[in-house]
């Protein structure tokens, strides 16, 4: 069982695929500041609430005050299923005014869906300009 704040921070950073330098950049602090928390030189940093929010975990879990990381512990439970970039996008979205939020949402809806894996696309009929059949 992971017990220290540094161990827990390292664990969740690994799960989210974010390194110390990236987390530091997002929080506008030095990588050394994050490193001090990870190695245990700083145990109760003022940054821990921001770090917990960025990584989508409850601050009391990060501090070792509880072993609970489940949905009841931090709201809807969506945050723990998001990767770091998704959490960052939500954070950016929250800082926008309502008009920009609506504009971004409209742009996102207009973007194409995820592309099918290559093996599935290889068997599709080619589509030309304006949806006309491809070269036959």
C-alpha atoms as a PDB file:
ATOM      1  CA  UNK A   1       0.000   0.000   0.000  1.00  0.00           C
ATOM      2  CA  UNK A   2       1.279   3.462  -0.911  1.00  0.00           C
ATOM      3  CA  UNK A   3       1.470   5.689   2.154  1.00  0.00           C
ATOM      4  CA  UNK A   4       3.504   8.880   1.774  1.00  0.00           C
ATOM      5  CA  UNK A   5       2.429  11.992  -0.066  1.00  0.00           C
ATOM      6  CA  UNK A   6       5.426  11.697  -2.389  1.00  0.00           C
ATOM      7  CA  UNK A   7       4.671   8.058  -3.165  1.00  0.00           C
ATOM      8  CA  UNK A   8       1.040   8.844  -3.839  1.00  0.00           C
ATOM      9  CA  UNK A   9       1.948  11.793  -6.034  1.00  0.00           C
ATOM     10  CA  UNK A  10       4.388   9.657  -8.028  1.00  0.00           C
ATOM     11  CA  UNK A  11       1.747   6.925  -8.345  1.00  0.00           C
ATOM     12  CA  UNK A  12      -0.970   9.192  -9.732  1.00  0.00           C
ATOM     13  CA  UNK A  13       1.469  11.020 -12.011  1.00  0.00           C
ATOM     14  CA  UNK A  14       2.427   7.640 -13.464  1.00  0.00           C
ATOM     15  CA  UNK A  15      -1.224   6.713 -13.943  1.00  0.00           C
ATOM     16  CA  UNK A  16      -1.910  10.018 -15.721  1.00  0.00           C
ATOM     17  CA  UNK A  17       1.247   9.823 -17.817  1.00  0.00           C
ATOM     18  CA  UNK A  18       2.588  13.171 -16.621  1.00  0.00           C
ATOM     19  CA  UNK A  19       6.148  13.808 -15.480  1.00  0.00           C
ATOM     20  CA  UNK A  20       7.445  16.286 -12.910  1.00  0.00           C
ATOM     21  CA  UNK A  21       8.457  18.849 -15.521  1.00  0.00           C
ATOM     22  CA  UNK A  22       5.009  18.874 -17.153  1.00  0.00           C
ATOM     23  CA  UNK A  23       3.178  19.112 -13.836  1.00  0.00           C
ATOM     24  CA  UNK A  24       5.484  21.947 -12.781  1.00  0.00           C
ATOM     25  CA  UNK A  25       4.825  23.772 -16.058  1.00  0.00           C
ATOM     26  CA  UNK A  26       1.063  23.469 -15.602  1.00  0.00           C
ATOM     27  CA  UNK A  27       1.272  24.812 -12.052  1.00  0.00           C
ATOM     28  CA  UNK A  28       3.777  27.539 -12.957  1.00  0.00           C
ATOM     29  CA  UNK A  29       6.377  26.297 -10.463  1.00  0.00           C
ATOM     30  CA  UNK A  30       9.831  24.798 -10.847  1.00  0.00           C
ATOM     31  CA  UNK A  31      10.387  21.110 -11.457  1.00  0.00           C
ATOM     32  CA  UNK A  32      12.453  21.158  -8.258  1.00  0.00           C
ATOM     33  CA  UNK A  33       9.353  22.145  -6.296  1.00  0.00           C
ATOM     34  CA  UNK A  34       7.527  19.048  -7.534  1.00  0.00           C
ATOM     35  CA  UNK A  35      10.621  16.911  -6.973  1.00  0.00           C
ATOM     36  CA  UNK A  36      10.813  17.987  -3.315  1.00  0.00           C
ATOM     37  CA  UNK A  37       7.271  16.722  -2.764  1.00  0.00           C
ATOM     38  CA  UNK A  38       7.906  13.445  -4.606  1.00  0.00           C
ATOM     39  CA  UNK A  39      11.099  12.647  -2.683  1.00  0.00           C
ATOM     40  CA  UNK A  40       9.551  13.651   0.649  1.00  0.00           C
ATOM     41  CA  UNK A  41      11.549  16.809   1.420  1.00  0.00           C
ATOM     42  CA  UNK A  42       8.295  18.788   1.449  1.00  0.00           C
ATOM     43  CA  UNK A  43       5.372  17.026   3.103  1.00  0.00           C
ATOM     44  CA  UNK A  44       2.585  19.588   3.242  1.00  0.00           C
ATOM     45  CA  UNK A  45       3.051  22.003   0.363  1.00  0.00           C
ATOM     46  CA  UNK A  46       0.554  24.809  -0.232  1.00  0.00           C
ATOM     47  CA  UNK A  47       0.438  23.449  -3.793  1.00  0.00           C
ATOM     48  CA  UNK A  48      -1.116  20.115  -2.834  1.00  0.00           C
ATOM     49  CA  UNK A  49      -4.734  21.240  -3.394  1.00  0.00           C
ATOM     50  CA  UNK A  50      -3.800  22.519  -6.877  1.00  0.00           C
ATOM     51  CA  UNK A  51      -1.809  19.358  -7.619  1.00  0.00           C
ATOM     52  CA  UNK A  52      -4.699  17.168  -6.488  1.00  0.00           C
ATOM     53  CA  UNK A  53      -7.153  19.122  -8.634  1.00  0.00           C
ATOM     54  CA  UNK A  54      -4.872  18.957 -11.690  1.00  0.00           C
ATOM     55  CA  UNK A  55      -4.429  15.205 -11.301  1.00  0.00           C
ATOM     56  CA  UNK A  56      -8.057  14.500 -10.397  1.00  0.00           C
ATOM     57  CA  UNK A  57      -7.558  12.979  -6.958  1.00  0.00           C
ATOM     58  CA  UNK A  58      -8.813  14.064  -3.539  1.00  0.00           C
ATOM     59  CA  UNK A  59      -6.287  16.176  -1.638  1.00  0.00           C
ATOM     60  CA  UNK A  60      -6.918  14.204   1.556  1.00  0.00           C
ATOM     61  CA  UNK A  61      -5.902  11.020  -0.276  1.00  0.00           C
ATOM     62  CA  UNK A  62      -2.766  12.727  -1.570  1.00  0.00           C
ATOM     63  CA  UNK A  63      -1.940  13.817   1.992  1.00  0.00           C
ATOM     64  CA  UNK A  64      -2.399  10.268   3.272  1.00  0.00           C
ATOM     65  CA  UNK A  65      -5.358  11.233   5.461  1.00  0.00           C
ATOM     66  CA  UNK A  66      -7.531   8.603   3.786  1.00  0.00           C
ATOM     67  CA  UNK A  67      -7.052   5.564   1.611  1.00  0.00           C
ATOM     68  CA  UNK A  68     -10.259   6.308  -0.328  1.00  0.00           C
ATOM     69  CA  UNK A  69      -9.897   7.389  -3.952  1.00  0.00           C
ATOM     70  CA  UNK A  70     -13.382   6.342  -5.032  1.00  0.00           C
ATOM     71  CA  UNK A  71     -16.134   8.424  -6.602  1.00  0.00           C
ATOM     72  CA  UNK A  72     -17.819   9.342  -3.329  1.00  0.00           C
ATOM     73  CA  UNK A  73     -14.567  10.892  -2.200  1.00  0.00           C
ATOM     74  CA  UNK A  74     -14.359  13.515  -4.946  1.00  0.00           C
ATOM     75  CA  UNK A  75     -17.637  14.106  -6.638  1.00  0.00           C
ATOM     76  CA  UNK A  76     -18.916  12.508  -9.801  1.00  0.00           C
ATOM     77  CA  UNK A  77     -15.900  10.266 -10.236  1.00  0.00           C
ATOM     78  CA  UNK A  78     -15.266  11.431 -13.766  1.00  0.00           C
ATOM     79  CA  UNK A  79     -11.940  13.053 -12.889  1.00  0.00           C
ATOM     80  CA  UNK A  80     -10.187   9.801 -12.080  1.00  0.00           C
ATOM     81  CA  UNK A  81     -11.035   8.415 -15.521  1.00  0.00           C
ATOM     82  CA  UNK A  82      -9.586  11.389 -17.397  1.00  0.00           C
ATOM     83  CA  UNK A  83      -6.026  11.623 -18.623  1.00  0.00           C
ATOM     84  CA  UNK A  84      -3.894  14.656 -17.884  1.00  0.00           C
ATOM     85  CA  UNK A  85      -4.672  16.462 -21.140  1.00  0.00           C
ATOM     86  CA  UNK A  86      -8.406  16.014 -20.595  1.00  0.00           C
ATOM     87  CA  UNK A  87      -8.152  17.414 -17.073  1.00  0.00           C
ATOM     88  CA  UNK A  88      -6.151  20.351 -18.434  1.00  0.00           C
ATOM     89  CA  UNK A  89      -8.775  20.981 -21.121  1.00  0.00           C
ATOM     90  CA  UNK A  90     -11.547  21.079 -18.519  1.00  0.00           C
ATOM     91  CA  UNK A  91      -9.468  23.450 -16.406  1.00  0.00           C
ATOM     92  CA  UNK A  92      -8.928  25.774 -19.382  1.00  0.00           C
ATOM     93  CA  UNK A  93     -12.623  25.568 -20.292  1.00  0.00           C
ATOM     94  CA  UNK A  94     -13.607  26.545 -16.736  1.00  0.00           C
ATOM     95  CA  UNK A  95     -11.470  29.683 -16.939  1.00  0.00           C
ATOM     96  CA  UNK A  96     -13.159  30.923 -20.144  1.00  0.00           C
ATOM     97  CA  UNK A  97     -16.093  33.288 -20.237  1.00  0.00           C
ATOM     98  CA  UNK A  98     -19.421  31.789 -21.320  1.00  0.00           C
ATOM     99  CA  UNK A  99     -19.237  33.082 -24.907  1.00  0.00           C
ATOM    100  CA  UNK A 100     -15.848  31.454 -25.464  1.00  0.00           C
ATOM    101  CA  UNK A 101     -17.041  28.235 -23.824  1.00  0.00           C
ATOM    102  CA  UNK A 102     -19.949  28.056 -26.265  1.00  0.00           C
ATOM    103  CA  UNK A 103     -17.681  28.857 -29.224  1.00  0.00           C
ATOM    104  CA  UNK A 104     -15.212  26.136 -28.209  1.00  0.00           C
ATOM    105  CA  UNK A 105     -18.013  23.651 -27.705  1.00  0.00           C
ATOM    106  CA  UNK A 106     -19.360  24.423 -31.179  1.00  0.00           C
ATOM    107  CA  UNK A 107     -15.878  23.918 -32.690  1.00  0.00           C
ATOM    108  CA  UNK A 108     -15.412  20.640 -30.825  1.00  0.00           C
ATOM    109  CA  UNK A 109     -18.745  19.333 -32.078  1.00  0.00           C
ATOM    110  CA  UNK A 110     -17.731  20.182 -35.662  1.00  0.00           C
ATOM    111  CA  UNK A 111     -14.446  18.270 -35.462  1.00  0.00           C
ATOM    112  CA  UNK A 112     -14.361  14.817 -37.021  1.00  0.00           C
ATOM    113  CA  UNK A 113     -14.772  11.832 -34.755  1.00  0.00           C
ATOM    114  CA  UNK A 114     -11.821   9.619 -33.919  1.00  0.00           C
ATOM    115  CA  UNK A 115     -10.478   7.850 -36.925  1.00  0.00           C
ATOM    116  CA  UNK A 116     -11.061   4.115 -37.123  1.00  0.00           C
ATOM    117  CA  UNK A 117      -7.955   1.944 -36.699  1.00  0.00           C
ATOM    118  CA  UNK A 118      -5.930   1.474 -39.865  1.00  0.00           C
ATOM    119  CA  UNK A 119      -6.952  -2.165 -40.295  1.00  0.00           C
ATOM    120  CA  UNK A 120     -10.621  -1.090 -40.482  1.00  0.00           C
ATOM    121  CA  UNK A 121      -9.927   1.819 -42.862  1.00  0.00           C
ATOM    122  CA  UNK A 122      -8.056  -0.419 -45.292  1.00  0.00           C
ATOM    123  CA  UNK A 123     -11.288  -2.225 -46.110  1.00  0.00           C
ATOM    124  CA  UNK A 124     -13.434   0.874 -46.616  1.00  0.00           C
ATOM    125  CA  UNK A 125     -14.406   2.026 -50.098  1.00  0.00           C
ATOM    126  CA  UNK A 126     -12.440   5.199 -50.950  1.00  0.00           C
ATOM    127  CA  UNK A 127     -14.488   8.381 -50.873  1.00  0.00           C
ATOM    128  CA  UNK A 128     -13.656  11.268 -53.182  1.00  0.00           C
ATOM    129  CA  UNK A 129     -14.496  14.906 -53.102  1.00  0.00           C
ATOM    130  CA  UNK A 130     -18.047  15.662 -51.891  1.00  0.00           C
ATOM    131  CA  UNK A 131     -18.617  12.048 -50.934  1.00  0.00           C
ATOM    132  CA  UNK A 132     -18.421  10.718 -54.490  1.00  0.00           C
ATOM    133  CA  UNK A 133     -16.950   7.298 -54.986  1.00  0.00           C
ATOM    134  CA  UNK A 134     -13.187   7.010 -55.197  1.00  0.00           C
ATOM    135  CA  UNK A 135     -11.102   6.063 -58.169  1.00  0.00           C
ATOM    136  CA  UNK A 136     -12.368   2.783 -59.642  1.00  0.00           C
END
